[in-house]
Amino acid sequence: MNNMKKDQILKGLIIVGLIAIAISLYIKFGQPYVNELAKQSLDQKRITDLDNLDKDISDYIANNKKFDLGQPNTIYISLPASKSNCEDISADLPSLPDNWTYHCANQNNFKKADGGGWLPVKLSGKPELPVDPKNSAADLNYYSFVSGSYEIASTSPTSTPAIKDKHWRSRPGDYTLTVVLDSGKLIKKKSMNDNGINDIRYETGNNLKMWADAEGLIGYWPMNEKIGLIINDKISNNKFNLYTQNVWSKNCGFINKSLGCINLLPKDNNLSIDKLNFKSKSILITIWVNLSLEHKDGYELLFMPNAFILYAYNTHPNLDIWSSAYIKSKQIFNSAFSSLNYNEWHQIGLYYGYIKNQDTPIIANVIDGQIMNPLKIFNNDEIKISQLFINKRQLYNGKIWNIKIFNKKQSIKDINENYNEDLKLMRLK
């Protein structure tokens, strides 16, 4: 066999080997990678669209002494609908706080850039408005816009005149544009670093805290601090003050990834929440916990005087999550859920209030995005919360992450989506 034939055979074997390796790698890694690239492409368009709209709106405000950014307490969305309040597609949309509404343009007009499309801003020179590449209500893939007003404003150093209220939210000329991202890479790169409220969403505009009002989120402690004795609220100036012997650490880990958490000693690890802007009777409080098997007794996770107590008991091999609720110091609810495992992360919490499209309020445990043991409440008394404590009286042996307080009616879907968003963030940490 001459050298030329040997070289041809060798090259052929190398090619076959490379093809086999490529096929093997594609089978193992290819499809998820291809899916991620497709998501990145769609997300990049979303980011570019919103950045361009942000510039257009900023220029519009700068060039017009009298500008119109639409109505306050309204979420303008890029989905077309036959009714201007989006009622015909509302089943797939998140619930809204009291006195908020959605706004949709119809199929013929929703891309118009003259103020009559989905965006209530007249953008001269723009042929049409962009919309989300999927533009789907079911997947929350649509563009959203909210604008400011003195109706929801408060004291601001730049507002004229200043509104004398302790909850500064927005003023005329303030706005936020937002969209849900799907790509893990761009969520980490953009959504988690845009200084907005929701780490799954890309948010741009000149007042990103406004989106908290639209979501009914009045308290959010993502626990991004690297170390210290203070855990900051992402929305306002409410802070958890940790007992001085507790040391906050970001690196105590979810699996092998960085995730904020803390091991707590009992004492006054507390938050004064009298500054939170409660506007309705419906309250959802969630917290992520990872509980140690070493703990032998019960311990309080969240303690709200004369309102809620959420606590845990070791019932080896599983964990009991107990909750109680009080109105005027009288116990109205006492419930347990006992199928959680130790050394795992779980979202637990309590919901008090109305479920969307139901007339009677309930109180219930919330475990990993599911409502458990709901109890109907047949009186008009309101649970009032003045303070919130973590682990006030007994040793908590474990980790915590991501405390949220919502103040709006929830649907079953809302509660589940909140859990899924957190879970996605946890896996990206």
Protein backbone atom coordinates (compact mmCIF):
# COMPACT_ATOMS: atom_id res chain seq x y z
CA MET A 1 0.00 0.00 0.00
CA ASN A 2 1.57 3.29 -1.04
CA ASN A 3 1.88 6.29 1.27
CA MET A 4 -0.89 8.21 -0.51
CA LYS A 5 -3.45 5.49 0.19
CA LYS A 6 -2.31 5.28 3.83
CA ASP A 7 -2.76 9.04 4.21
CA GLN A 8 -6.24 8.84 2.70
CA ILE A 9 -7.28 6.03 5.02
CA LEU A 10 -5.85 7.88 8.03
CA LYS A 11 -7.66 11.08 7.08
CA GLY A 12 -10.87 9.11 6.60
CA LEU A 13 -10.58 7.53 10.05
CA ILE A 14 -9.90 10.91 11.61
CA ILE A 15 -12.97 12.40 9.90
CA VAL A 16 -15.16 9.48 10.97
CA GLY A 17 -13.83 9.83 14.53
CA LEU A 18 -14.53 13.57 14.60
CA ILE A 19 -18.04 12.99 13.25
CA ALA A 20 -18.65 10.35 15.94
CA ILE A 21 -17.39 12.73 18.65
CA ALA A 22 -19.56 15.55 17.28
CA ILE A 23 -22.64 13.32 17.23
CA SER A 24 -21.93 12.14 20.76
CA LEU A 25 -21.47 15.69 22.03
CA TYR A 26 -24.64 16.85 20.29
CA ILE A 27 -26.66 13.99 21.78
CA LYS A 28 -25.34 14.87 25.24
CA PHE A 29 -25.17 18.67 25.10
CA GLY A 30 -26.46 19.81 21.74
CA GLN A 31 -30.17 20.33 22.10
CA PRO A 32 -30.05 22.31 25.39
CA TYR A 33 -27.26 24.42 23.88
CA VAL A 34 -29.23 25.01 20.70
CA ASN A 35 -32.30 25.91 22.77
CA GLU A 36 -30.26 28.36 24.84
CA LEU A 37 -28.88 30.02 21.69
CA ALA A 38 -32.44 30.40 20.36
CA LYS A 39 -33.55 31.97 23.66
CA GLN A 40 -30.56 34.33 23.61
CA SER A 41 -31.47 35.48 20.11
CA LEU A 42 -35.06 36.29 21.13
CA ASP A 43 -33.94 37.95 24.37
CA GLN A 44 -31.39 40.10 22.57
CA LYS A 45 -34.15 41.43 20.33
CA ARG A 46 -36.27 42.16 23.41
CA ILE A 47 -33.44 44.06 25.07
CA THR A 48 -32.68 46.03 21.90
CA ASP A 49 -36.36 46.88 21.38
CA LEU A 50 -36.80 48.19 24.92
CA ASP A 51 -33.52 50.13 24.87
CA ASN A 52 -34.61 51.83 21.63
CA LEU A 53 -38.06 52.61 23.07
CA ASP A 54 -36.43 53.97 26.22
CA LYS A 55 -34.38 56.39 24.10
CA ASP A 56 -37.41 57.37 22.02
CA ILE A 57 -39.51 58.13 25.12
CA SER A 58 -36.67 60.04 26.78
CA ASP A 59 -36.28 62.18 23.65
CA TYR A 60 -40.04 62.73 23.49
CA ILE A 61 -40.11 64.01 27.09
CA ALA A 62 -37.08 66.24 26.53
CA ASN A 63 -38.57 67.82 23.39
CA ASN A 64 -42.11 68.40 24.68
CA LYS A 65 -43.02 70.69 27.57
CA LYS A 66 -46.44 69.05 27.65
CA PHE A 67 -46.04 65.31 27.32
CA ASP A 68 -48.51 62.46 27.66
CA LEU A 69 -47.32 59.09 28.96
CA GLY A 70 -50.77 57.61 29.47
CA GLN A 71 -52.77 56.95 32.60
CA PRO A 72 -51.34 56.16 36.06
CA ASN A 73 -51.87 52.79 37.70
CA THR A 74 -52.09 51.20 34.25
CA ILE A 75 -49.92 48.51 32.68
CA TYR A 76 -49.82 48.99 28.91
CA ILE A 77 -48.93 45.71 27.23
CA SER A 78 -47.97 44.79 23.67
CA LEU A 79 -50.65 42.11 23.35
CA PRO A 80 -53.62 42.92 21.10
CA ALA A 81 -57.10 42.43 22.54
CA SER A 82 -60.63 43.35 21.55
CA LYS A 83 -61.28 45.15 24.84
CA SER A 84 -59.11 48.06 25.95
CA ASN A 85 -58.82 46.69 29.51
CA CYS A 86 -57.55 43.35 28.10
CA GLU A 87 -60.49 41.56 29.72
CA ASP A 88 -60.70 38.96 26.94
CA ILE A 89 -57.12 37.77 27.66
CA SER A 90 -57.02 38.49 31.40
CA ALA A 91 -57.13 34.82 32.42
CA ASP A 92 -53.51 34.48 31.29
CA LEU A 93 -52.30 37.75 32.84
CA PRO A 94 -50.96 38.22 36.39
CA SER A 95 -53.37 39.65 38.95
CA LEU A 96 -53.13 43.37 39.64
CA PRO A 97 -53.14 45.42 42.85
CA ASP A 98 -56.30 47.32 43.77
CA ASN A 99 -57.01 50.30 41.49
CA TRP A 100 -54.68 49.03 38.76
CA THR A 101 -55.74 47.96 35.27
CA TYR A 102 -54.28 46.61 32.04
CA HIS A 103 -54.54 48.40 28.71
CA CYS A 104 -54.47 46.76 25.27
CA ALA A 105 -54.90 48.14 21.76
CA ASN A 106 -56.88 46.18 19.21
CA GLN A 107 -55.45 43.99 16.46
CA ASN A 108 -55.64 46.76 13.86
CA ASN A 109 -53.89 49.41 15.94
CA PHE A 110 -51.56 47.76 18.46
CA LYS A 111 -48.38 48.44 16.45
CA LYS A 112 -49.17 52.09 15.70
CA ALA A 113 -46.61 54.58 17.05
CA ASP A 114 -48.99 57.57 17.17
CA GLY A 115 -50.07 57.05 20.78
CA GLY A 116 -52.98 54.82 19.77
CA GLY A 117 -50.97 51.60 19.76
CA TRP A 118 -49.98 49.48 22.72
CA LEU A 119 -47.62 52.25 23.92
CA PRO A 120 -49.53 55.43 24.86
CA VAL A 121 -46.73 57.73 23.66
CA LYS A 122 -46.69 59.60 20.33
CA LEU A 123 -43.33 58.76 18.77
CA SER A 124 -42.96 60.85 15.63
CA GLY A 125 -40.87 59.38 12.86
CA LYS A 126 -41.25 55.80 14.06
CA PRO A 127 -43.05 53.63 11.48
CA GLU A 128 -44.45 51.15 14.00
CA LEU A 129 -43.99 49.89 17.53
CA PRO A 130 -41.97 46.75 18.23
CA VAL A 131 -43.63 43.85 19.98
CA ASP A 132 -42.22 40.79 21.72
CA PRO A 133 -41.00 38.10 19.25
CA LYS A 134 -43.48 35.64 20.78
CA ASN A 135 -46.04 38.14 22.12
CA SER A 136 -47.77 35.50 24.19
CA ALA A 137 -49.90 36.06 27.28
CA ALA A 138 -49.61 32.44 28.41
CA ASP A 139 -45.79 32.63 28.60
CA LEU A 140 -45.66 36.24 29.89
CA ASN A 141 -43.64 37.10 26.79
CA TYR A 142 -44.88 40.61 26.03
CA TYR A 143 -43.65 44.17 26.54
CA SER A 144 -45.03 46.25 29.42
CA PHE A 145 -45.00 49.97 30.16
CA VAL A 146 -46.03 51.95 33.25
CA SER A 147 -45.81 55.70 33.81
CA GLY A 148 -45.71 57.97 36.83
CA SER A 149 -48.23 60.31 38.41
CA TYR A 150 -48.67 62.33 41.57
CA GLU A 151 -51.54 59.99 42.35
CA ILE A 152 -49.03 57.35 43.43
CA ALA A 153 -46.17 59.72 44.21
CA SER A 154 -44.70 60.98 47.45
CA THR A 155 -41.88 63.08 48.73
CA SER A 156 -39.17 63.33 46.10
CA PRO A 157 -36.29 65.81 46.07
CA THR A 158 -37.03 66.61 42.44
CA SER A 159 -40.83 66.70 42.42
CA THR A 160 -42.51 70.11 42.19
CA PRO A 161 -44.33 70.46 44.42
CA ALA A 162 -43.14 67.70 46.74
CA ILE A 163 -45.86 65.29 47.85
CA LYS A 164 -45.81 64.87 51.61
CA ASP A 165 -45.94 61.11 51.97
CA LYS A 166 -43.35 58.67 53.26
CA HIS A 167 -43.62 56.33 50.27
CA TRP A 168 -41.88 57.83 47.28
CA ARG A 169 -42.82 55.94 44.16
CA SER A 170 -43.04 58.16 41.06
CA ARG A 171 -43.81 61.54 39.52
CA PRO A 172 -45.01 62.74 36.10
CA GLY A 173 -42.39 61.88 33.50
CA ASP A 174 -41.27 58.72 35.28
CA TYR A 175 -41.71 55.45 33.42
CA THR A 176 -40.58 51.83 33.25
CA LEU A 177 -40.42 49.41 30.32
CA THR A 178 -40.10 45.73 31.12
CA VAL A 179 -40.10 42.24 29.59
CA VAL A 180 -39.57 38.69 30.85
CA LEU A 181 -36.33 37.11 29.60
CA ASP A 182 -35.92 33.38 28.95
CA SER A 183 -32.16 32.92 28.43
CA GLY A 184 -30.22 31.99 31.55
CA LYS A 185 -27.15 33.82 30.24
CA LEU A 186 -28.97 37.09 29.60
CA ILE A 187 -30.98 36.89 32.82
CA LYS A 188 -27.67 36.78 34.71
CA LYS A 189 -26.01 39.41 32.53
CA LYS A 190 -28.92 41.84 32.11
CA SER A 191 -31.96 41.19 34.34
CA MET A 192 -29.95 40.66 37.51
CA ASN A 193 -27.85 43.76 36.87
CA ASP A 194 -30.28 46.37 35.54
CA ASN A 195 -31.06 47.86 39.00
CA GLY A 196 -34.69 46.88 38.57
CA ILE A 197 -37.06 45.09 40.94
CA ASN A 198 -37.70 41.75 39.21
CA ASP A 199 -34.56 39.73 38.41
CA ILE A 200 -36.37 37.65 35.76
CA ARG A 201 -37.40 40.77 33.87
CA TYR A 202 -35.26 43.20 31.92
CA GLU A 203 -36.29 46.66 33.11
CA THR A 204 -35.31 50.01 31.64
CA GLY A 205 -36.57 53.57 32.04
CA ASN A 206 -35.96 56.42 34.46
CA ASN A 207 -37.64 54.99 37.61
CA LEU A 208 -37.32 51.21 37.81
CA LYS A 209 -38.86 50.96 41.29
CA MET A 210 -42.26 51.70 39.76
CA TRP A 211 -42.58 48.08 38.67
CA ALA A 212 -42.90 47.07 42.32
CA ASP A 213 -46.17 49.01 42.49
CA ALA A 214 -47.44 47.28 39.36
CA GLU A 215 -46.65 43.84 40.84
CA GLY A 216 -48.07 44.68 44.27
CA LEU A 217 -44.66 43.94 45.77
CA ILE A 218 -44.17 46.08 48.88
CA GLY A 219 -41.17 44.35 50.47
CA TYR A 220 -38.33 42.38 48.88
CA TRP A 221 -35.14 41.23 50.55
CA PRO A 222 -33.12 39.31 47.90
CA MET A 223 -30.16 38.99 50.28
CA ASN A 224 -27.49 40.03 47.83
CA GLU A 225 -25.25 41.48 50.53
CA LYS A 226 -21.89 39.76 50.66
CA ILE A 227 -21.52 39.97 54.44
CA GLY A 228 -22.73 42.09 57.36
CA LEU A 229 -25.51 42.66 59.89
CA ILE A 230 -28.02 44.43 57.63
CA ILE A 231 -30.28 42.87 54.97
CA ASN A 232 -31.68 45.57 52.67
CA ASP A 233 -35.10 45.90 51.08
CA LYS A 234 -34.74 46.30 47.31
CA ILE A 235 -37.82 48.51 47.12
CA SER A 236 -37.50 50.99 50.00
CA ASN A 237 -35.39 51.67 53.08
CA ASN A 238 -36.78 48.86 55.24
CA LYS A 239 -33.91 46.82 56.65
CA PHE A 240 -33.58 43.64 58.65
CA ASN A 241 -31.35 44.31 61.63
CA LEU A 242 -29.55 41.13 62.64
CA TYR A 243 -28.58 40.27 66.17
CA THR A 244 -24.90 41.19 66.54
CA GLN A 245 -23.71 37.60 67.00
CA ASN A 246 -25.27 36.58 63.68
CA VAL A 247 -23.04 37.05 60.67
CA TRP A 248 -24.57 37.27 57.24
CA SER A 249 -22.76 35.30 54.55
CA LYS A 250 -23.59 35.05 50.86
CA ASN A 251 -21.52 31.93 50.24
CA CYS A 252 -23.16 29.20 52.29
CA GLY A 253 -24.34 27.65 49.11
CA PHE A 254 -27.14 26.07 47.08
CA ILE A 255 -25.69 22.74 45.94
CA ASN A 256 -22.27 24.04 44.84
CA LYS A 257 -23.42 27.49 43.82
CA SER A 258 -23.40 30.81 45.61
CA LEU A 259 -26.67 31.77 47.25
CA GLY A 260 -27.40 34.19 50.05
CA CYS A 261 -28.25 32.55 53.35
CA ILE A 262 -27.62 32.78 57.05
CA ASN A 263 -27.46 30.68 60.18
CA LEU A 264 -29.40 32.54 62.86
CA LEU A 265 -29.15 32.67 66.61
CA PRO A 266 -32.33 33.60 68.50
CA LYS A 267 -32.80 37.23 69.55
CA ASP A 268 -34.22 40.29 67.85
CA ASN A 269 -33.52 39.64 64.18
CA ASN A 270 -36.24 42.05 63.24
CA LEU A 271 -37.68 44.31 60.61
CA SER A 272 -39.99 47.21 61.29
CA ILE A 273 -42.46 47.19 58.42
CA ASP A 274 -44.58 50.15 59.45
CA LYS A 275 -43.12 51.90 56.40
CA LEU A 276 -44.53 49.35 53.99
CA ASN A 277 -47.34 50.78 51.90
CA PHE A 278 -50.24 48.39 52.61
CA LYS A 279 -53.19 49.18 50.34
CA SER A 280 -55.42 46.10 50.56
CA LYS A 281 -56.29 43.27 52.94
CA SER A 282 -54.59 40.60 50.83
CA ILE A 283 -51.08 39.66 51.97
CA LEU A 284 -48.68 37.01 50.65
CA ILE A 285 -45.41 36.47 52.54
CA THR A 286 -42.86 33.97 51.22
CA ILE A 287 -39.39 32.95 52.37
CA TRP A 288 -36.97 30.30 51.11
CA VAL A 289 -35.53 28.01 53.77
CA ASN A 290 -33.04 25.18 53.95
CA LEU A 291 -33.42 23.46 57.31
CA SER A 292 -30.79 21.41 59.11
CA LEU A 293 -31.56 17.89 60.33
CA GLU A 294 -29.41 18.55 63.37
CA HIS A 295 -32.02 20.75 64.95
CA LYS A 296 -34.08 18.84 67.50
CA ASP A 297 -36.91 21.17 68.49
CA GLY A 298 -39.32 23.65 67.02
CA TYR A 299 -38.28 27.11 65.87
CA GLU A 300 -39.98 30.17 64.49
CA LEU A 301 -39.18 31.16 60.95
CA LEU A 302 -41.29 34.30 60.75
CA PHE A 303 -42.99 35.98 63.68
CA MET A 304 -45.43 38.88 63.21
CA PRO A 305 -46.94 40.06 66.51
CA ASN A 306 -50.72 39.63 66.66
CA ALA A 307 -50.82 38.45 63.06
CA PHE A 308 -48.91 35.38 61.87
CA ILE A 309 -46.50 32.86 63.25
CA LEU A 310 -44.78 30.51 60.83
CA TYR A 311 -42.68 27.86 62.54
CA ALA A 312 -41.17 24.42 62.05
CA TYR A 313 -40.87 21.21 64.07
CA ASN A 314 -38.56 18.26 63.65
CA THR A 315 -40.70 15.17 63.09
CA HIS A 316 -37.93 12.94 61.76
CA PRO A 317 -37.61 11.91 58.97
CA ASN A 318 -39.75 14.77 57.63
CA LEU A 319 -40.32 18.35 58.61
CA ASP A 320 -43.56 19.91 59.89
CA ILE A 321 -44.24 23.49 58.81
CA TRP A 322 -46.82 24.96 61.14
CA SER A 323 -48.58 28.28 60.87
CA SER A 324 -51.01 30.18 63.02
CA ALA A 325 -52.90 33.40 62.42
CA TYR A 326 -54.56 35.83 64.79
CA ILE A 327 -57.11 38.62 64.59
CA LYS A 328 -57.28 40.84 67.65
CA SER A 329 -55.18 38.29 69.58
CA LYS A 330 -57.67 35.50 68.83
CA GLN A 331 -56.37 32.48 66.94
CA ILE A 332 -58.32 31.95 63.72
CA PHE A 333 -56.04 29.49 61.93
CA ASN A 334 -53.70 26.68 62.89
CA SER A 335 -52.35 24.37 60.22
CA ALA A 336 -49.44 22.03 59.47
CA PHE A 337 -47.75 20.60 56.42
CA SER A 338 -45.28 17.77 56.96
CA SER A 339 -43.75 16.29 53.83
CA LEU A 340 -40.67 18.49 53.40
CA ASN A 341 -37.18 17.05 53.57
CA TYR A 342 -34.26 18.49 55.47
CA ASN A 343 -31.20 19.98 53.76
CA GLU A 344 -33.30 21.02 50.76
CA TRP A 345 -34.43 24.46 49.67
CA HIS A 346 -38.18 25.10 49.89
CA GLN A 347 -40.31 28.20 49.50
CA ILE A 348 -42.75 28.46 52.38
CA GLY A 349 -45.16 31.18 53.39
CA LEU A 350 -48.64 32.34 54.25
CA TYR A 351 -51.43 33.91 52.25
CA TYR A 352 -54.28 35.88 53.74
CA GLY A 353 -56.86 37.49 51.48
CA TYR A 354 -58.92 37.00 48.37
CA ILE A 355 -58.13 34.55 45.60
CA LYS A 356 -58.79 36.00 42.16
CA ASN A 357 -62.44 35.51 41.07
CA GLN A 358 -63.52 34.26 44.52
CA ASP A 359 -65.72 36.24 46.91
CA THR A 360 -64.61 34.84 50.28
CA PRO A 361 -61.12 35.52 51.70
CA ILE A 362 -58.95 32.62 52.83
CA ILE A 363 -55.89 32.02 54.93
CA ALA A 364 -53.52 29.23 53.88
CA ASN A 365 -50.01 27.83 53.97
CA VAL A 366 -47.99 28.26 50.79
CA ILE A 367 -45.48 25.49 50.09
CA ASP A 368 -43.37 25.52 46.91
CA GLY A 369 -45.89 27.53 44.96
CA GLN A 370 -48.95 25.57 46.09
CA ILE A 371 -51.74 26.67 48.45
CA MET A 372 -52.16 24.16 51.28
CA ASN A 373 -54.93 23.77 53.87
CA PRO A 374 -56.96 26.88 52.94
CA LEU A 375 -59.46 28.12 55.48
CA LYS A 376 -62.26 30.51 54.52
CA ILE A 377 -62.59 33.65 56.65
CA PHE A 378 -66.16 34.81 57.19
CA ASN A 379 -65.61 38.14 58.93
CA ASN A 380 -64.44 41.56 57.87
CA ASP A 381 -61.65 41.90 60.40
CA GLU A 382 -58.26 42.65 58.92
CA ILE A 383 -54.97 41.13 59.99
CA LYS A 384 -52.62 44.00 60.78
CA ILE A 385 -48.85 43.64 60.75
CA SER A 386 -46.58 46.16 62.44
CA GLN A 387 -43.35 44.19 62.73
CA LEU A 388 -41.76 41.10 61.23
CA PHE A 389 -39.14 38.99 63.03
CA ILE A 390 -36.98 36.16 61.81
CA ASN A 391 -36.23 33.64 64.53
CA LYS A 392 -37.03 35.82 67.52
CA ARG A 393 -37.23 33.30 70.36
CA GLN A 394 -35.70 29.99 69.33
CA LEU A 395 -32.55 28.86 67.55
CA TYR A 396 -32.93 28.56 63.79
CA ASN A 397 -30.46 26.08 62.39
CA GLY A 398 -30.45 26.47 58.64
CA LYS A 399 -30.41 28.93 55.79
CA ILE A 400 -32.81 31.55 54.45
CA TRP A 401 -33.09 33.44 51.17
CA ASN A 402 -35.35 35.80 49.28
CA ILE A 403 -38.13 37.20 51.48
CA LYS A 404 -41.07 38.81 49.64
CA ILE A 405 -44.24 40.55 50.78
CA PHE A 406 -47.03 41.10 48.23
CA ASN A 407 -50.08 43.23 48.94
CA LYS A 408 -52.65 42.27 46.30
CA LYS A 409 -55.19 39.59 45.48
CA GLN A 410 -53.44 36.51 44.15
CA SER A 411 -54.54 33.81 41.77
CA ILE A 412 -53.34 30.22 42.06
CA LYS A 413 -51.30 30.88 38.93
CA ASP A 414 -49.70 34.01 40.44
CA ILE A 415 -48.48 32.10 43.48
CA ASN A 416 -47.10 29.30 41.34
CA GLU A 417 -45.35 31.72 38.95
CA ASN A 418 -43.72 33.54 41.86
CA TYR A 419 -42.29 30.21 43.02
CA ASN A 420 -41.10 29.24 39.53
CA GLU A 421 -39.40 32.61 39.02
CA ASP A 422 -37.54 32.25 42.32
CA LEU A 423 -36.61 28.67 41.53
CA LYS A 424 -35.17 29.73 38.17
CA LEU A 425 -33.11 32.46 39.86
CA MET A 426 -31.89 30.03 42.49
CA ARG A 427 -30.60 27.64 39.83
CA LEU A 428 -28.81 30.50 38.07
CA LYS A 429 -27.03 31.72 41.20
